[in-house]
Protein backbone atom coordinates (compact mmCIF):
# COMPACT_ATOMS: atom_id res chain seq x y z
CA MET A 1 0.00 0.00 0.00
CA SER A 2 1.10 3.47 -0.56
CA ILE A 3 -0.44 6.67 0.63
CA SER A 4 -0.83 9.87 -1.33
CA CYS A 5 -2.75 13.11 -1.40
CA ASP A 6 -3.25 12.76 -5.18
CA CYS A 7 -6.33 10.72 -6.00
CA GLY A 8 -5.98 11.00 -9.75
CA GLY A 9 -6.37 8.06 -12.08
CA GLY A 10 -3.45 6.01 -13.21
CA ASP A 11 -2.44 3.00 -15.21
CA TYR A 12 -2.54 0.35 -12.50
CA GLU A 13 -2.41 -3.44 -12.78
CA TRP A 14 -5.76 -3.69 -10.99
CA TRP A 15 -8.40 -1.56 -9.29
CA TYR A 16 -10.69 -1.98 -6.30
CA ASN A 17 -13.99 -0.76 -4.93
CA PRO A 18 -13.61 -0.05 -1.22
CA PRO A 19 -16.30 -1.20 1.19
CA ARG A 20 -18.69 1.35 2.64
CA ASP A 21 -19.67 -0.69 5.67
CA PHE A 22 -18.77 -3.83 7.56
CA THR A 23 -19.88 -7.22 6.35
CA GLN A 24 -19.46 -10.59 8.00
CA LEU A 25 -16.90 -12.96 6.59
CA ASP A 26 -19.01 -15.71 5.02
CA THR A 27 -16.49 -17.58 2.89
CA ASN A 28 -15.87 -21.34 3.07
CA ARG A 29 -12.76 -20.85 5.19
CA ARG A 30 -10.94 -18.15 7.13
CA GLN A 31 -9.19 -15.43 5.13
CA ARG A 32 -6.08 -13.38 5.77
CA CYS A 33 -6.38 -9.66 6.23
CA PHE A 34 -4.99 -8.01 3.09
CA SER A 35 -3.14 -5.51 5.27
CA CYS A 36 -1.84 -7.08 8.50
CA ARG A 37 -2.02 -10.70 7.20
CA GLU A 38 -3.72 -11.95 10.41
CA LEU A 39 -6.28 -14.74 9.97
CA ILE A 40 -9.88 -13.55 10.10
CA ASP A 41 -12.40 -15.94 11.65
CA LEU A 42 -15.63 -16.87 9.87
CA GLY A 43 -18.46 -14.55 10.90
CA ALA A 44 -16.09 -11.74 11.95
CA ASP A 45 -16.77 -8.17 10.84
CA VAL A 46 -14.61 -7.29 7.82
CA GLY A 47 -14.30 -4.81 5.01
CA MET A 48 -14.66 -6.60 1.67
CA PHE A 49 -13.00 -5.09 -1.41
CA THR A 50 -14.22 -6.06 -4.87
CA ASN A 51 -11.31 -6.09 -7.32
CA TRP A 52 -10.94 -6.07 -11.07
CA ARG A 53 -8.45 -5.50 -13.85
CA ASN A 54 -8.55 -4.65 -17.53
CA PRO A 55 -7.86 -7.32 -20.16
CA ILE A 56 -4.19 -7.80 -20.98
CA THR A 57 -4.23 -9.90 -24.14
CA GLU A 58 -6.29 -9.91 -27.33
CA VAL A 59 -7.81 -13.22 -26.24
CA GLU A 60 -9.07 -11.67 -22.98
CA ILE A 61 -10.49 -8.72 -24.90
CA HIS A 62 -12.35 -11.12 -27.20
CA ILE A 63 -13.64 -13.24 -24.30
CA HIS A 64 -14.98 -10.19 -22.48
CA GLY A 65 -16.94 -8.71 -25.36
CA GLY A 66 -14.28 -7.06 -27.51
CA ASP A 67 -13.98 -4.05 -25.23
CA GLU A 68 -10.49 -3.01 -24.08
CA ALA A 69 -12.10 -1.28 -21.09
CA ALA A 70 -13.87 -4.47 -19.93
CA GLU A 71 -13.57 -5.28 -16.26
CA ILE A 72 -12.23 -8.74 -15.47
CA PRO A 73 -13.19 -9.65 -11.91
CA LYS A 74 -10.50 -10.71 -9.46
CA ALA A 75 -10.96 -12.44 -6.13
CA ASN A 76 -12.34 -10.30 -3.33
CA THR A 77 -9.93 -9.20 -0.63
CA TYR A 78 -10.72 -8.56 3.01
CA MET A 79 -9.45 -6.35 5.81
CA CYS A 80 -9.96 -7.10 9.47
CA GLU A 81 -11.98 -4.75 11.65
CA THR A 82 -8.89 -2.84 12.85
CA CYS A 83 -7.31 -2.35 9.42
CA ILE A 84 -10.54 -1.36 7.67
CA GLY A 85 -11.19 1.18 10.43
CA LEU A 86 -7.81 2.76 9.73
CA PHE A 87 -8.47 2.63 5.97
CA TRP A 88 -11.80 4.47 6.40
CA ALA A 89 -10.31 7.05 8.77
CA MET A 90 -7.46 7.86 6.41
CA THR A 91 -9.64 8.07 3.30
CA GLU A 92 -12.07 10.30 5.20
CA LEU A 93 -9.14 12.64 5.89
CA GLY A 94 -8.51 12.82 2.13
CA PHE A 95 -5.65 10.35 1.73
CA CYS A 96 -5.62 8.02 -1.27
CA ILE A 97 -4.43 4.50 -0.60
CA SER A 98 -3.02 2.12 -3.20
CA LEU A 99 -3.40 -1.41 -1.88
CA THR A 100 -0.34 -3.65 -1.74
CA LYS A 101 -0.59 -7.08 -0.17
CA GLY A 102 0.86 -7.22 3.33
CA GLU A 103 1.61 -3.53 3.77
CA ARG A 104 0.16 -2.68 7.15
CA MET A 105 -2.45 0.05 7.53
CA ALA A 106 -0.99 0.83 10.98
CA ASP A 107 2.35 1.67 9.34
CA LEU A 108 0.62 3.95 6.81
CA ALA A 109 -1.25 5.69 9.63
CA LYS A 110 2.09 6.41 11.32
CA LEU A 111 3.47 7.80 8.04
CA SER A 112 0.45 10.08 7.66
CA GLN A 113 1.08 11.49 11.13
CA THR A 114 4.77 12.20 10.51
CA GLY A 115 4.25 13.53 6.99
CA ASP A 116 6.93 11.19 5.55
CA MET A 117 4.75 10.01 2.67
């Protein structure tokens, strides 16, 4: 994850829709928090991110309707109650967060306080 004050678009490998509220983890097995990597128990409150990417090859473009801007779904990712709370607090303050697997929201919160972004 990286943190920025610039929320402009970019050419990323994938995009996400952030959650607006908690949901309960109702998968077949426990999941790891995308941020802190702790295991999340079934039924726990989580933030669920829906993820997608654009097609990369001509075959993918053809499969998804011939549109280069098609959205190819990726697996959902989850944040535990603590990490999603930090995510929401920081985005409410106007920070833009690029998700990177295993980069801790707590570390980003410390960076935002020191201004060493």
